[in-house]
């Protein structure tokens, strides 16, 4: 049986934080969660887009419970401020959906000096999750959902010694490294939840080929080439709708018996209804530990479940 938003259980009383909720998959996810009764924290950089997204959700669901929190994942200071705001308002967080991301950008740096894709897709979400972890571990049945991509398969050989490729930069290869890292973050956090005996779960999901604005944004960047234009032209023709593409992450976030040892993705990889599939390359312990060490060194923050329990 095909899983749809009609299968989302009642979310009344639950707090769901969605990064990048002002457009694309994040907006579709926020709309579905709010429609099911959740209080949705729309964490987004562009406040004008976030306000328009809130209005769109309220048009579809007039009783929706929403709040907007400014979050720029390219700024560790912004991440810290957003986490402080969310934590001060919500003693429990039932779902943290690490949805936002950028793809195949020209080489650039965040304000903290990280390669932009790595800084946003990986380190921004690492820090947000770290800072909200005390609220997550104190919430029975909490879930963290990390967004990977079919691009993770391009990360041949696993995590690079320098996934930011600060030498010979390749935008698509760095993007694939960030999506592999998101999967490793999901797996590593789940291992730590289990080791600590915490009633929380960490999931990996990916949307397949979805006609969001991500491809068009990439193609509009200076220096965009044939590959960028190819995907920008293909996705409106062949890609799934954003509402359909968001179903994998929504299923991971809400299905009562969802399995964190599997990945949630379209049935045919890039297309189809959301299903749970066996995790790819489960034996990636060394890469997980290297990623933890790199992220801790870069951000000064830990993703330490035992420490979060002590702070909860």
Protein backbone atom coordinates (compact mmCIF):
# COMPACT_ATOMS: atom_id res chain seq x y z
CA UNK A 1 0.00 0.00 0.00
CA UNK A 2 1.37 3.44 -0.93
CA UNK A 3 2.17 5.71 2.02
CA UNK A 4 0.82 9.28 1.82
CA UNK A 5 0.31 12.22 4.16
CA UNK A 6 -3.03 10.67 5.09
CA UNK A 7 -1.01 8.04 6.95
CA UNK A 8 0.61 10.59 9.26
CA UNK A 9 -0.70 9.96 12.79
CA UNK A 10 -2.19 12.79 14.81
CA UNK A 11 0.68 15.11 15.73
CA UNK A 12 -1.24 17.23 18.24
CA UNK A 13 0.98 18.29 21.13
CA UNK A 14 4.21 17.53 19.27
CA UNK A 15 6.89 20.09 18.44
CA UNK A 16 8.57 19.66 15.05
CA UNK A 17 11.54 21.78 14.00
CA UNK A 18 12.07 21.92 10.23
CA UNK A 19 15.11 23.65 8.76
CA UNK A 20 14.61 25.31 5.41
CA UNK A 21 10.85 25.36 5.96
CA UNK A 22 10.42 28.41 3.73
CA UNK A 23 10.45 26.47 0.46
CA UNK A 24 10.78 23.19 -1.38
CA UNK A 25 10.84 19.99 0.63
CA UNK A 26 10.96 21.89 3.91
CA UNK A 27 7.77 23.80 3.17
CA UNK A 28 6.01 20.63 2.03
CA UNK A 29 7.09 18.88 5.22
CA UNK A 30 6.08 21.79 7.46
CA UNK A 31 2.68 21.97 5.76
CA UNK A 32 2.05 18.24 6.21
CA UNK A 33 3.16 18.22 9.86
CA UNK A 34 1.12 21.31 10.69
CA UNK A 35 -1.88 19.82 8.90
CA UNK A 36 -1.57 16.77 11.17
CA UNK A 37 -1.68 18.97 14.28
CA UNK A 38 1.98 19.53 15.13
CA UNK A 39 3.39 22.82 16.31
CA UNK A 40 5.96 23.52 13.60
CA UNK A 41 9.03 25.66 14.16
CA UNK A 42 9.95 26.99 10.73
CA UNK A 43 13.70 27.57 10.95
CA UNK A 44 14.77 29.55 7.89
CA UNK A 45 17.27 32.13 6.70
CA UNK A 46 15.09 34.24 4.37
CA UNK A 47 12.47 35.79 6.64
CA UNK A 48 10.35 37.21 3.82
CA UNK A 49 10.12 33.75 2.19
CA UNK A 50 9.39 32.24 5.60
CA UNK A 51 6.50 34.64 6.16
CA UNK A 52 5.09 33.81 2.72
CA UNK A 53 5.47 30.10 3.47
CA UNK A 54 3.65 30.53 6.77
CA UNK A 55 0.80 32.25 4.96
CA UNK A 56 0.65 29.41 2.44
CA UNK A 57 0.40 26.84 5.23
CA UNK A 58 -2.29 28.85 7.02
CA UNK A 59 -4.28 29.07 3.82
CA UNK A 60 -4.23 25.28 3.56
CA UNK A 61 -4.64 24.71 7.32
CA UNK A 62 -6.16 27.78 9.03
CA UNK A 63 -5.71 26.24 12.50
CA UNK A 64 -2.02 25.46 11.97
CA UNK A 65 0.32 26.20 14.87
CA UNK A 66 3.48 27.81 13.50
CA UNK A 67 6.40 29.94 14.51
CA UNK A 68 9.31 31.30 12.52
CA UNK A 69 12.85 31.28 13.87
CA UNK A 70 15.66 32.88 11.90
CA UNK A 71 18.38 30.36 11.06
CA UNK A 72 21.34 30.81 8.75
CA UNK A 73 23.18 27.48 8.64
CA UNK A 74 26.18 29.21 7.08
CA UNK A 75 26.73 31.07 10.35
CA UNK A 76 27.63 29.23 13.53
CA UNK A 77 26.54 32.31 15.49
CA UNK A 78 23.12 32.24 13.83
CA UNK A 79 22.82 28.52 14.56
CA UNK A 80 23.62 29.14 18.22
CA UNK A 81 21.06 31.97 18.45
CA UNK A 82 18.37 29.90 16.75
CA UNK A 83 19.02 26.93 19.03
CA UNK A 84 18.88 29.17 22.10
CA UNK A 85 15.56 30.63 20.94
CA UNK A 86 14.02 27.23 20.21
CA UNK A 87 15.26 25.65 23.43
CA UNK A 88 14.00 28.57 25.54
CA UNK A 89 10.50 28.15 24.12
CA UNK A 90 10.23 24.37 23.96
CA UNK A 91 11.28 22.00 26.74
CA UNK A 92 10.69 19.08 24.39
CA UNK A 93 11.40 18.58 20.69
CA UNK A 94 9.68 15.60 19.10
CA UNK A 95 11.07 15.93 15.58
CA UNK A 96 14.15 17.73 14.31
CA UNK A 97 14.11 17.56 10.52
CA UNK A 98 17.51 18.62 9.20
CA UNK A 99 16.14 19.41 5.76
CA UNK A 100 17.85 22.56 4.48
CA UNK A 101 20.77 22.37 2.10
CA UNK A 102 22.63 23.74 -0.89
CA UNK A 103 23.91 21.86 -3.93
CA UNK A 104 26.99 22.07 -6.18
CA UNK A 105 27.79 25.70 -5.48
CA UNK A 106 30.92 27.44 -6.77
CA UNK A 107 33.73 27.34 -4.25
CA UNK A 108 33.07 29.76 -1.44
CA UNK A 109 33.34 30.11 2.31
CA UNK A 110 30.89 30.59 5.13
CA UNK A 111 31.47 33.41 7.58
CA UNK A 112 33.31 30.88 9.76
CA UNK A 113 35.69 29.90 6.96
CA UNK A 114 34.18 26.54 6.00
CA UNK A 115 33.52 25.51 2.40
CA UNK A 116 29.94 26.61 1.84
CA UNK A 117 28.30 23.26 1.09
CA UNK A 118 30.07 21.52 3.96
CA UNK A 119 29.40 24.42 6.30
CA UNK A 120 25.66 24.48 5.54
CA UNK A 121 24.72 20.86 4.86
CA UNK A 122 26.92 19.25 7.50
CA UNK A 123 28.38 21.57 10.11
CA UNK A 124 25.32 23.82 10.40
CA UNK A 125 23.08 20.86 11.12
CA UNK A 126 25.71 19.22 13.35
CA UNK A 127 25.78 22.31 15.56
CA UNK A 128 22.01 22.77 15.60
CA UNK A 129 21.51 19.14 16.58
CA UNK A 130 24.23 19.35 19.23
CA UNK A 131 22.70 22.44 20.83
CA UNK A 132 19.16 21.00 20.77
CA UNK A 133 20.21 17.51 21.85
CA UNK A 134 19.30 18.00 25.55
CA UNK A 135 15.73 18.83 24.48
CA UNK A 136 15.67 15.85 22.10
CA UNK A 137 16.91 13.21 24.55
CA UNK A 138 14.45 14.39 27.19
CA UNK A 139 11.53 13.83 24.78
CA UNK A 140 10.16 10.26 24.69
CA UNK A 141 10.13 8.93 21.14
CA UNK A 142 11.97 11.92 19.66
CA UNK A 143 13.33 11.67 16.13
CA UNK A 144 16.08 13.36 14.18
CA UNK A 145 15.81 13.11 10.39
CA UNK A 146 18.84 13.81 8.19
CA UNK A 147 18.49 14.37 4.44
CA UNK A 148 20.82 12.46 2.18
CA UNK A 149 20.54 12.14 -1.60
CA UNK A 150 21.15 9.69 -4.41
CA UNK A 151 24.31 11.79 -4.83
CA UNK A 152 25.76 9.97 -1.83
CA UNK A 153 26.50 7.08 -4.23
CA UNK A 154 29.02 9.32 -6.01
CA UNK A 155 31.15 9.44 -2.87
CA UNK A 156 33.21 6.47 -4.02
CA UNK A 157 35.71 5.30 -1.45
CA UNK A 158 33.90 6.91 1.47
CA UNK A 159 34.66 10.13 3.28
CA UNK A 160 37.64 12.03 1.85
CA UNK A 161 40.50 13.10 4.13
CA UNK A 162 39.42 16.65 3.30
CA UNK A 163 35.73 16.51 2.25
CA UNK A 164 35.75 20.29 1.79
CA UNK A 165 38.25 19.83 -1.07
CA UNK A 166 40.09 23.02 -0.26
CA UNK A 167 42.73 22.12 -2.85
CA UNK A 168 41.31 20.86 -6.16
CA UNK A 169 37.66 21.84 -5.72
CA UNK A 170 34.87 19.90 -7.43
CA UNK A 171 31.39 21.23 -6.55
CA UNK A 172 29.53 18.01 -7.33
CA UNK A 173 32.03 15.84 -5.51
CA UNK A 174 31.82 18.05 -2.42
CA UNK A 175 28.03 17.87 -2.60
CA UNK A 176 28.19 14.07 -2.69
CA UNK A 177 30.51 14.19 0.33
CA UNK A 178 27.98 16.29 2.26
CA UNK A 179 25.18 13.86 1.47
CA UNK A 180 27.33 10.90 2.49
CA UNK A 181 28.14 12.79 5.68
CA UNK A 182 24.42 13.33 6.39
CA UNK A 183 23.90 9.57 6.17
CA UNK A 184 26.87 8.95 8.44
CA UNK A 185 25.52 11.48 10.92
CA UNK A 186 22.19 9.67 10.99
CA UNK A 187 23.88 6.31 11.52
CA UNK A 188 26.36 7.57 14.10
CA UNK A 189 23.74 9.37 16.17
CA UNK A 190 21.52 6.28 16.14
CA UNK A 191 24.44 4.21 17.43
CA UNK A 192 24.91 6.68 20.26
CA UNK A 193 21.21 6.75 21.12
CA UNK A 194 21.24 2.97 21.40
CA UNK A 195 24.44 2.89 23.45
CA UNK A 196 22.95 5.38 25.92
CA UNK A 197 19.59 3.58 26.07
CA UNK A 198 17.78 6.72 24.97
CA UNK A 199 14.20 6.56 23.66
CA UNK A 200 15.04 8.55 20.53
CA UNK A 201 15.87 7.60 16.97
CA UNK A 202 17.95 9.03 14.14
CA UNK A 203 16.88 8.48 10.52
CA UNK A 204 18.25 9.03 7.05
CA UNK A 205 15.90 9.92 4.21
CA UNK A 206 16.30 11.15 0.67
CA UNK A 207 13.74 12.54 -1.80
CA UNK A 208 14.96 11.06 -5.08
CA UNK A 209 14.59 13.29 -8.13
CA UNK A 210 12.24 16.03 -6.98
CA UNK A 211 11.32 19.22 -8.78
CA UNK A 212 12.24 21.59 -5.97
CA UNK A 213 13.98 24.91 -6.51
CA UNK A 214 17.35 23.40 -5.58
CA UNK A 215 18.40 22.58 -9.15
CA UNK A 216 17.33 25.96 -10.49
CA UNK A 217 19.26 27.72 -7.73
CA UNK A 218 22.38 25.72 -8.62
CA UNK A 219 22.03 26.50 -12.34
CA UNK A 220 21.72 30.22 -11.59
CA UNK A 221 25.12 30.38 -9.87
CA UNK A 222 28.08 32.05 -11.60
CA UNK A 223 30.06 29.56 -13.62
CA UNK A 224 27.24 27.01 -13.84
CA UNK A 225 27.94 24.51 -16.61
CA UNK A 226 26.28 21.78 -18.62
CA UNK A 227 25.64 19.47 -15.69
CA UNK A 228 23.96 22.18 -13.65
CA UNK A 229 21.77 23.24 -16.59
CA UNK A 230 20.97 19.61 -17.41
CA UNK A 231 19.47 18.96 -13.97
CA UNK A 232 17.66 22.30 -13.92
CA UNK A 233 15.98 21.44 -17.22
CA UNK A 234 15.32 17.77 -16.41
CA UNK A 235 13.65 18.05 -13.03
CA UNK A 236 10.59 20.07 -14.17
CA UNK A 237 9.99 17.41 -16.82
CA UNK A 238 10.89 14.17 -15.05
CA UNK A 239 11.08 15.02 -11.37
CA UNK A 240 8.45 14.20 -8.78
CA UNK A 241 6.43 16.98 -7.22
CA UNK A 242 7.77 18.53 -4.03
CA UNK A 243 4.82 17.12 -2.08
CA UNK A 244 5.68 13.62 -3.31
CA UNK A 245 9.42 14.04 -2.77
CA UNK A 246 8.85 15.07 0.86
CA UNK A 247 7.05 11.85 1.70
CA UNK A 248 10.22 9.89 2.51
CA UNK A 249 11.33 12.31 5.22
CA UNK A 250 7.78 12.62 6.53
CA UNK A 251 7.45 8.85 6.80
CA UNK A 252 10.74 8.64 8.69
CA UNK A 253 9.59 11.44 11.00
CA UNK A 254 6.13 10.14 11.82
CA UNK A 255 5.51 6.45 11.09
CA UNK A 256 5.08 4.79 14.51
CA UNK A 257 7.10 1.65 13.69
CA UNK A 258 9.70 3.28 11.42
CA UNK A 259 13.06 1.51 11.52
CA UNK A 260 16.13 3.75 12.03
CA UNK A 261 18.37 0.98 10.70
CA UNK A 262 16.86 1.48 7.25
CA UNK A 263 16.85 4.45 4.89
CA UNK A 264 13.61 6.06 3.71
CA UNK A 265 13.58 6.83 0.01
CA UNK A 266 11.55 6.41 -3.19
CA UNK A 267 10.87 2.82 -4.22
CA UNK A 268 12.84 3.07 -7.47
CA UNK A 269 15.66 5.12 -5.99
CA UNK A 270 14.94 8.37 -7.79
CA UNK A 271 11.19 7.88 -8.22
CA UNK A 272 8.22 6.24 -6.59
CA UNK A 273 6.40 6.04 -3.27
CA UNK A 274 8.37 6.27 -0.01
CA UNK A 275 9.65 2.95 1.34
CA UNK A 276 12.16 1.69 3.89
CA UNK A 277 15.20 0.05 2.28
CA UNK A 278 18.26 -1.62 3.80
CA UNK A 279 20.96 0.85 4.78
CA UNK A 280 23.78 1.15 2.28
CA UNK A 281 27.29 0.26 3.42
CA UNK A 282 26.41 -0.38 7.06
CA UNK A 283 30.05 -1.07 7.96
CA UNK A 284 31.20 2.56 7.90
CA UNK A 285 32.36 2.86 11.51
CA UNK A 286 35.77 4.41 10.70
CA UNK A 287 34.16 7.09 8.53
CA UNK A 288 31.62 7.87 11.26
CA UNK A 289 34.35 8.30 13.85
CA UNK A 290 36.44 10.47 11.51
CA UNK A 291 33.41 12.64 10.78
CA UNK A 292 32.71 13.07 14.49
CA UNK A 293 36.31 14.11 15.09
CA UNK A 294 36.33 16.57 12.17
CA UNK A 295 33.02 18.17 13.12
CA UNK A 296 34.01 18.51 16.78
CA UNK A 297 37.29 20.14 15.82
CA UNK A 298 35.65 22.53 13.35
CA UNK A 299 32.72 23.63 15.50
CA UNK A 300 33.92 23.11 19.06
CA UNK A 301 30.66 21.30 19.71
CA UNK A 302 30.02 17.64 20.44
CA UNK A 303 27.20 15.34 19.43
CA UNK A 304 27.44 13.53 22.76
CA UNK A 305 24.26 11.84 23.97
CA UNK A 306 25.55 11.17 27.49
CA UNK A 307 26.48 14.83 27.93
CA UNK A 308 23.08 15.89 26.58
CA UNK A 309 21.36 13.62 29.09
CA UNK A 310 23.32 15.29 31.88
CA UNK A 311 22.22 18.72 30.60
CA UNK A 312 18.58 17.78 30.01
